Amino acid sequence: MKSVLRILVFVPLALIILFFSMANRAVVKIGLDPFAANAADAPYLEAPMYLVVLAAIAFGVLAGGVSSWLGHLSVRRAAKVARAEAKKTRLEIEKLRQQALADLPADIKGAKR
C-alpha cells in the first residue's frame, strides 16, 4: 500500500519538476549585493531559472523542517520524561504485586492455583 501511495505521489511530482525544468532553461542573473549603488557593478551569479526556483523551494522545505523540529523540542523532551515515569511506575507496580503475592497466606495461594 505504501509503495503504491509513493508512486502516486512521487511520479507526478517528478514529472512536474521535469516539465518545469524543461520549460525554464533560460539563464538569469542573481544579484548578490542588495546595497550596490549600481546594479551592473554588483557581484552576481548566472544560473538556469529552474535551478534557482528549485533551490529556493528546497531551501524553504529545509528551513521549514528545521523550524518544525526545533519547535517540537519541548514536546519531545516532555514525552521522554513521561516514558521514563511510566517505566518507573510499571516497575513499581510489578514490585508491589510481587510483594502482595508473597504476603498472601498459604491457603489463599493454594486456592488460586
N, C-alpha and C. Protein backbone atom coordinates (compact mmCIF):
# COMPACT_ATOMS: atom_id res chain seq x y z
N MET A 1 0.82 -1.20 0.00
CA MET A 1 0.00 0.00 0.00
C MET A 1 0.86 1.26 0.00
N LYS A 2 1.92 1.25 0.84
CA LYS A 2 2.78 2.42 0.89
C LYS A 2 3.52 2.65 -0.42
N SER A 3 3.93 1.57 -1.07
CA SER A 3 4.66 1.73 -2.32
C SER A 3 3.75 2.30 -3.41
N VAL A 4 2.50 1.90 -3.43
CA VAL A 4 1.55 2.44 -4.41
C VAL A 4 1.32 3.93 -4.14
N LEU A 5 1.19 4.28 -2.86
CA LEU A 5 1.00 5.68 -2.49
C LEU A 5 2.21 6.53 -2.88
N ARG A 6 3.39 5.98 -2.65
CA ARG A 6 4.61 6.69 -3.04
C ARG A 6 4.65 6.91 -4.54
N ILE A 7 4.29 5.90 -5.29
CA ILE A 7 4.28 6.04 -6.75
C ILE A 7 3.27 7.10 -7.17
N LEU A 8 2.10 7.08 -6.56
CA LEU A 8 1.05 8.05 -6.90
C LEU A 8 1.45 9.48 -6.55
N VAL A 9 2.34 9.66 -5.59
CA VAL A 9 2.76 11.00 -5.20
C VAL A 9 4.03 11.41 -5.94
N PHE A 10 5.04 10.56 -5.95
CA PHE A 10 6.35 10.96 -6.46
C PHE A 10 6.47 10.96 -7.98
N VAL A 11 5.77 10.10 -8.67
CA VAL A 11 5.86 10.10 -10.13
C VAL A 11 5.28 11.39 -10.71
N PRO A 12 4.07 11.81 -10.30
CA PRO A 12 3.58 13.11 -10.82
C PRO A 12 4.47 14.28 -10.39
N LEU A 13 4.99 14.24 -9.17
CA LEU A 13 5.87 15.31 -8.70
C LEU A 13 7.14 15.36 -9.55
N ALA A 14 7.71 14.22 -9.84
CA ALA A 14 8.91 14.17 -10.67
C ALA A 14 8.62 14.68 -12.08
N LEU A 15 7.46 14.33 -12.61
CA LEU A 15 7.08 14.82 -13.95
C LEU A 15 6.89 16.33 -13.95
N ILE A 16 6.27 16.87 -12.92
CA ILE A 16 6.08 18.31 -12.82
C ILE A 16 7.44 19.02 -12.77
N ILE A 17 8.35 18.50 -11.96
CA ILE A 17 9.68 19.10 -11.86
C ILE A 17 10.42 18.99 -13.20
N LEU A 18 10.30 17.86 -13.86
CA LEU A 18 10.94 17.67 -15.16
C LEU A 18 10.40 18.66 -16.19
N PHE A 19 9.08 18.75 -16.29
CA PHE A 19 8.48 19.67 -17.27
C PHE A 19 8.80 21.12 -16.93
N PHE A 20 8.80 21.46 -15.67
CA PHE A 20 9.15 22.82 -15.24
C PHE A 20 10.59 23.14 -15.64
N SER A 21 11.48 22.18 -15.41
CA SER A 21 12.90 22.38 -15.74
C SER A 21 13.10 22.54 -17.24
N MET A 22 12.37 21.77 -18.03
CA MET A 22 12.49 21.86 -19.48
C MET A 22 11.95 23.18 -20.01
N ALA A 23 10.93 23.73 -19.36
CA ALA A 23 10.30 24.95 -19.83
C ALA A 23 11.03 26.22 -19.37
N ASN A 24 11.88 26.12 -18.36
CA ASN A 24 12.54 27.31 -17.81
C ASN A 24 14.05 27.15 -17.80
N ARG A 25 14.62 26.98 -19.00
CA ARG A 25 16.06 26.79 -19.12
C ARG A 25 16.82 28.09 -19.31
N ALA A 26 16.15 29.20 -19.42
CA ALA A 26 16.83 30.48 -19.66
C ALA A 26 17.73 30.83 -18.48
N VAL A 27 18.86 31.44 -18.80
CA VAL A 27 19.82 31.83 -17.77
C VAL A 27 19.38 33.17 -17.19
N VAL A 28 19.41 33.27 -15.87
CA VAL A 28 19.05 34.51 -15.18
C VAL A 28 20.22 34.95 -14.30
N LYS A 29 20.28 36.26 -14.06
CA LYS A 29 21.32 36.81 -13.18
C LYS A 29 20.75 36.94 -11.78
N ILE A 30 21.53 36.49 -10.82
CA ILE A 30 21.13 36.58 -9.42
C ILE A 30 22.10 37.53 -8.74
N GLY A 31 21.60 38.72 -8.36
CA GLY A 31 22.44 39.70 -7.70
C GLY A 31 22.75 39.29 -6.28
N LEU A 32 24.02 39.49 -5.88
CA LEU A 32 24.45 39.07 -4.56
C LEU A 32 24.64 40.25 -3.59
N ASP A 33 24.54 41.47 -4.07
CA ASP A 33 24.74 42.64 -3.21
C ASP A 33 23.49 43.53 -3.29
N PRO A 34 22.62 43.46 -2.27
CA PRO A 34 21.40 44.26 -2.32
C PRO A 34 21.64 45.75 -2.11
N PHE A 35 22.83 46.13 -1.67
CA PHE A 35 23.10 47.54 -1.37
C PHE A 35 23.99 48.20 -2.42
N ALA A 36 24.22 47.55 -3.52
CA ALA A 36 25.08 48.12 -4.56
C ALA A 36 24.42 49.35 -5.16
N ALA A 37 25.22 50.42 -5.34
CA ALA A 37 24.69 51.65 -5.93
C ALA A 37 24.36 51.43 -7.40
N ASN A 38 25.18 50.68 -8.08
CA ASN A 38 24.96 50.41 -9.49
C ASN A 38 24.82 48.89 -9.64
N ALA A 39 23.70 48.46 -10.15
CA ALA A 39 23.42 47.03 -10.27
C ALA A 39 24.42 46.34 -11.19
N ALA A 40 24.98 47.07 -12.14
CA ALA A 40 25.93 46.47 -13.08
C ALA A 40 27.25 46.14 -12.39
N ASP A 41 27.59 46.89 -11.34
CA ASP A 41 28.85 46.65 -10.64
C ASP A 41 28.74 45.59 -9.55
N ALA A 42 27.54 45.23 -9.18
CA ALA A 42 27.33 44.29 -8.08
C ALA A 42 27.70 42.88 -8.52
N PRO A 43 28.23 42.09 -7.60
CA PRO A 43 28.52 40.70 -7.95
C PRO A 43 27.22 39.92 -8.19
N TYR A 44 27.30 38.99 -9.10
CA TYR A 44 26.11 38.20 -9.42
C TYR A 44 26.52 36.80 -9.86
N LEU A 45 25.53 35.92 -9.87
CA LEU A 45 25.69 34.57 -10.40
C LEU A 45 24.74 34.41 -11.57
N GLU A 46 25.11 33.59 -12.50
CA GLU A 46 24.21 33.25 -13.59
C GLU A 46 23.87 31.77 -13.46
N ALA A 47 22.58 31.47 -13.52
CA ALA A 47 22.13 30.08 -13.40
C ALA A 47 20.82 29.92 -14.16
N PRO A 48 20.51 28.71 -14.56
CA PRO A 48 19.22 28.48 -15.21
C PRO A 48 18.08 28.79 -14.22
N MET A 49 17.00 29.31 -14.74
CA MET A 49 15.88 29.72 -13.89
C MET A 49 15.32 28.55 -13.08
N TYR A 50 15.21 27.37 -13.71
CA TYR A 50 14.65 26.23 -12.97
C TYR A 50 15.51 25.88 -11.78
N LEU A 51 16.84 26.03 -11.91
CA LEU A 51 17.73 25.72 -10.81
C LEU A 51 17.53 26.69 -9.64
N VAL A 52 17.35 27.96 -9.97
CA VAL A 52 17.12 28.97 -8.94
C VAL A 52 15.81 28.68 -8.21
N VAL A 53 14.75 28.40 -8.95
CA VAL A 53 13.45 28.15 -8.34
C VAL A 53 13.47 26.87 -7.50
N LEU A 54 14.02 25.79 -8.05
CA LEU A 54 14.06 24.53 -7.31
C LEU A 54 14.95 24.63 -6.07
N ALA A 55 16.06 25.39 -6.16
CA ALA A 55 16.92 25.58 -4.99
C ALA A 55 16.19 26.39 -3.92
N ALA A 56 15.41 27.39 -4.33
CA ALA A 56 14.64 28.17 -3.37
C ALA A 56 13.57 27.31 -2.69
N ILE A 57 12.92 26.44 -3.45
CA ILE A 57 11.92 25.54 -2.87
C ILE A 57 12.59 24.58 -1.88
N ALA A 58 13.73 24.02 -2.29
CA ALA A 58 14.45 23.08 -1.42
C ALA A 58 14.89 23.79 -0.14
N PHE A 59 15.39 25.01 -0.26
CA PHE A 59 15.79 25.77 0.92
C PHE A 59 14.60 26.03 1.83
N GLY A 60 13.46 26.37 1.26
CA GLY A 60 12.25 26.61 2.05
C GLY A 60 11.78 25.37 2.78
N VAL A 61 11.81 24.23 2.10
CA VAL A 61 11.40 22.98 2.74
C VAL A 61 12.36 22.63 3.87
N LEU A 62 13.65 22.79 3.63
CA LEU A 62 14.65 22.51 4.66
C LEU A 62 14.50 23.45 5.85
N ALA A 63 14.32 24.74 5.59
CA ALA A 63 14.14 25.71 6.68
C ALA A 63 12.87 25.41 7.48
N GLY A 64 11.80 25.04 6.81
CA GLY A 64 10.56 24.68 7.50
C GLY A 64 10.71 23.43 8.33
N GLY A 65 11.42 22.44 7.83
CA GLY A 65 11.66 21.22 8.58
C GLY A 65 12.49 21.47 9.83
N VAL A 66 13.54 22.26 9.69
CA VAL A 66 14.39 22.58 10.85
C VAL A 66 13.59 23.38 11.86
N SER A 67 12.80 24.34 11.39
CA SER A 67 11.97 25.15 12.29
C SER A 67 10.97 24.28 13.04
N SER A 68 10.34 23.36 12.36
CA SER A 68 9.37 22.47 12.99
C SER A 68 10.07 21.56 14.00
N TRP A 69 11.23 21.03 13.63
CA TRP A 69 11.97 20.15 14.52
C TRP A 69 12.37 20.91 15.80
N LEU A 70 12.86 22.13 15.64
CA LEU A 70 13.24 22.92 16.81
C LEU A 70 12.03 23.31 17.64
N GLY A 71 10.91 23.56 16.99
CA GLY A 71 9.69 23.93 17.70
C GLY A 71 9.12 22.81 18.55
N HIS A 72 9.42 21.58 18.18
CA HIS A 72 8.87 20.44 18.91
C HIS A 72 9.86 19.84 19.92
N LEU A 73 10.96 20.53 20.17
CA LEU A 73 11.93 20.01 21.15
C LEU A 73 11.30 19.83 22.52
N SER A 74 10.52 20.80 22.96
CA SER A 74 9.92 20.71 24.29
C SER A 74 8.92 19.56 24.37
N VAL A 75 8.19 19.32 23.30
CA VAL A 75 7.23 18.22 23.28
C VAL A 75 7.96 16.88 23.35
N ARG A 76 9.05 16.75 22.59
CA ARG A 76 9.81 15.50 22.63
C ARG A 76 10.46 15.29 23.99
N ARG A 77 10.93 16.38 24.59
CA ARG A 77 11.53 16.27 25.92
C ARG A 77 10.49 15.82 26.94
N ALA A 78 9.28 16.40 26.88
CA ALA A 78 8.21 16.02 27.81
C ALA A 78 7.80 14.57 27.58
N ALA A 79 7.76 14.12 26.35
CA ALA A 79 7.42 12.73 26.05
C ALA A 79 8.48 11.78 26.61
N LYS A 80 9.72 12.18 26.53
CA LYS A 80 10.81 11.35 27.07
C LYS A 80 10.67 11.21 28.58
N VAL A 81 10.36 12.32 29.25
CA VAL A 81 10.16 12.28 30.71
C VAL A 81 8.96 11.41 31.05
N ALA A 82 7.87 11.54 30.29
CA ALA A 82 6.66 10.75 30.56
C ALA A 82 6.93 9.26 30.36
N ARG A 83 7.70 8.90 29.34
CA ARG A 83 8.04 7.49 29.12
C ARG A 83 8.87 6.95 30.27
N ALA A 84 9.82 7.74 30.76
CA ALA A 84 10.65 7.31 31.88
C ALA A 84 9.80 7.12 33.14
N GLU A 85 8.87 8.05 33.39
CA GLU A 85 7.98 7.94 34.55
C GLU A 85 7.06 6.72 34.42
N ALA A 86 6.56 6.47 33.23
CA ALA A 86 5.69 5.31 33.01
C ALA A 86 6.46 4.01 33.25
N LYS A 87 7.70 3.96 32.80
CA LYS A 87 8.51 2.76 33.01
C LYS A 87 8.76 2.56 34.50
N LYS A 88 9.08 3.65 35.18
CA LYS A 88 9.32 3.58 36.63
C LYS A 88 8.06 3.10 37.36
N THR A 89 6.91 3.62 36.94
CA THR A 89 5.64 3.24 37.56
C THR A 89 5.32 1.77 37.31
N ARG A 90 5.54 1.29 36.09
CA ARG A 90 5.31 -0.13 35.80
C ARG A 90 6.19 -1.03 36.64
N LEU A 91 7.44 -0.65 36.81
CA LEU A 91 8.34 -1.45 37.65
C LEU A 91 7.88 -1.45 39.11
N GLU A 92 7.44 -0.30 39.57
CA GLU A 92 6.95 -0.20 40.95
C GLU A 92 5.69 -1.03 41.15
N ILE A 93 4.79 -1.00 40.18
CA ILE A 93 3.55 -1.81 40.26
C ILE A 93 3.90 -3.29 40.31
N GLU A 94 4.82 -3.70 39.46
CA GLU A 94 5.21 -5.12 39.44
C GLU A 94 5.86 -5.52 40.76
N LYS A 95 6.68 -4.64 41.31
CA LYS A 95 7.31 -4.92 42.61
C LYS A 95 6.25 -5.05 43.70
N LEU A 96 5.28 -4.14 43.74
CA LEU A 96 4.21 -4.20 44.74
C LEU A 96 3.34 -5.44 44.55
N ARG A 97 3.11 -5.84 43.31
CA ARG A 97 2.32 -7.04 43.03
C ARG A 97 3.04 -8.28 43.57
N GLN A 98 4.35 -8.34 43.35
CA GLN A 98 5.12 -9.47 43.86
C GLN A 98 5.12 -9.49 45.38
N GLN A 99 5.22 -8.30 46.00
CA GLN A 99 5.17 -8.24 47.46
C GLN A 99 3.80 -8.68 47.98
N ALA A 100 2.74 -8.25 47.32
CA ALA A 100 1.39 -8.63 47.75
C ALA A 100 1.18 -10.13 47.62
N LEU A 101 1.67 -10.71 46.55
CA LEU A 101 1.55 -12.17 46.37
C LEU A 101 2.38 -12.92 47.41
N ALA A 102 3.52 -12.37 47.76
CA ALA A 102 4.37 -13.03 48.76
C ALA A 102 3.75 -12.96 50.15
N ASP A 103 2.97 -11.91 50.43
CA ASP A 103 2.36 -11.73 51.75
C ASP A 103 1.05 -12.49 51.92
N LEU A 104 0.53 -13.09 50.87
CA LEU A 104 -0.72 -13.83 50.97
C LEU A 104 -0.52 -15.08 51.83
N PRO A 105 -1.54 -15.45 52.61
CA PRO A 105 -1.44 -16.70 53.38
C PRO A 105 -1.34 -17.90 52.44
N ALA A 106 -0.79 -18.98 52.95
CA ALA A 106 -0.56 -20.18 52.14
C ALA A 106 -1.86 -20.79 51.63
N ASP A 107 -2.95 -20.76 52.43
CA ASP A 107 -4.22 -21.36 51.99
C ASP A 107 -4.82 -20.58 50.81
N ILE A 108 -4.62 -19.26 50.76
CA ILE A 108 -5.14 -18.47 49.62
C ILE A 108 -4.27 -18.72 48.38
N LYS A 109 -2.96 -18.84 48.59
CA LYS A 109 -2.07 -19.11 47.46
C LYS A 109 -2.42 -20.43 46.80
N GLY A 110 -2.72 -21.45 47.62
CA GLY A 110 -3.08 -22.76 47.10
C GLY A 110 -4.41 -22.73 46.39
N ALA A 111 -5.36 -21.91 46.84
CA ALA A 111 -6.66 -21.83 46.22
C ALA A 111 -6.61 -21.12 44.88
N LYS A 112 -5.67 -20.23 44.73
CA LYS A 112 -5.57 -19.50 43.47
C LYS A 112 -5.07 -20.38 42.34
N ARG A 113 -4.35 -21.41 42.65
CA ARG A 113 -3.77 -22.26 41.60
C ARG A 113 -4.79 -23.13 41.06
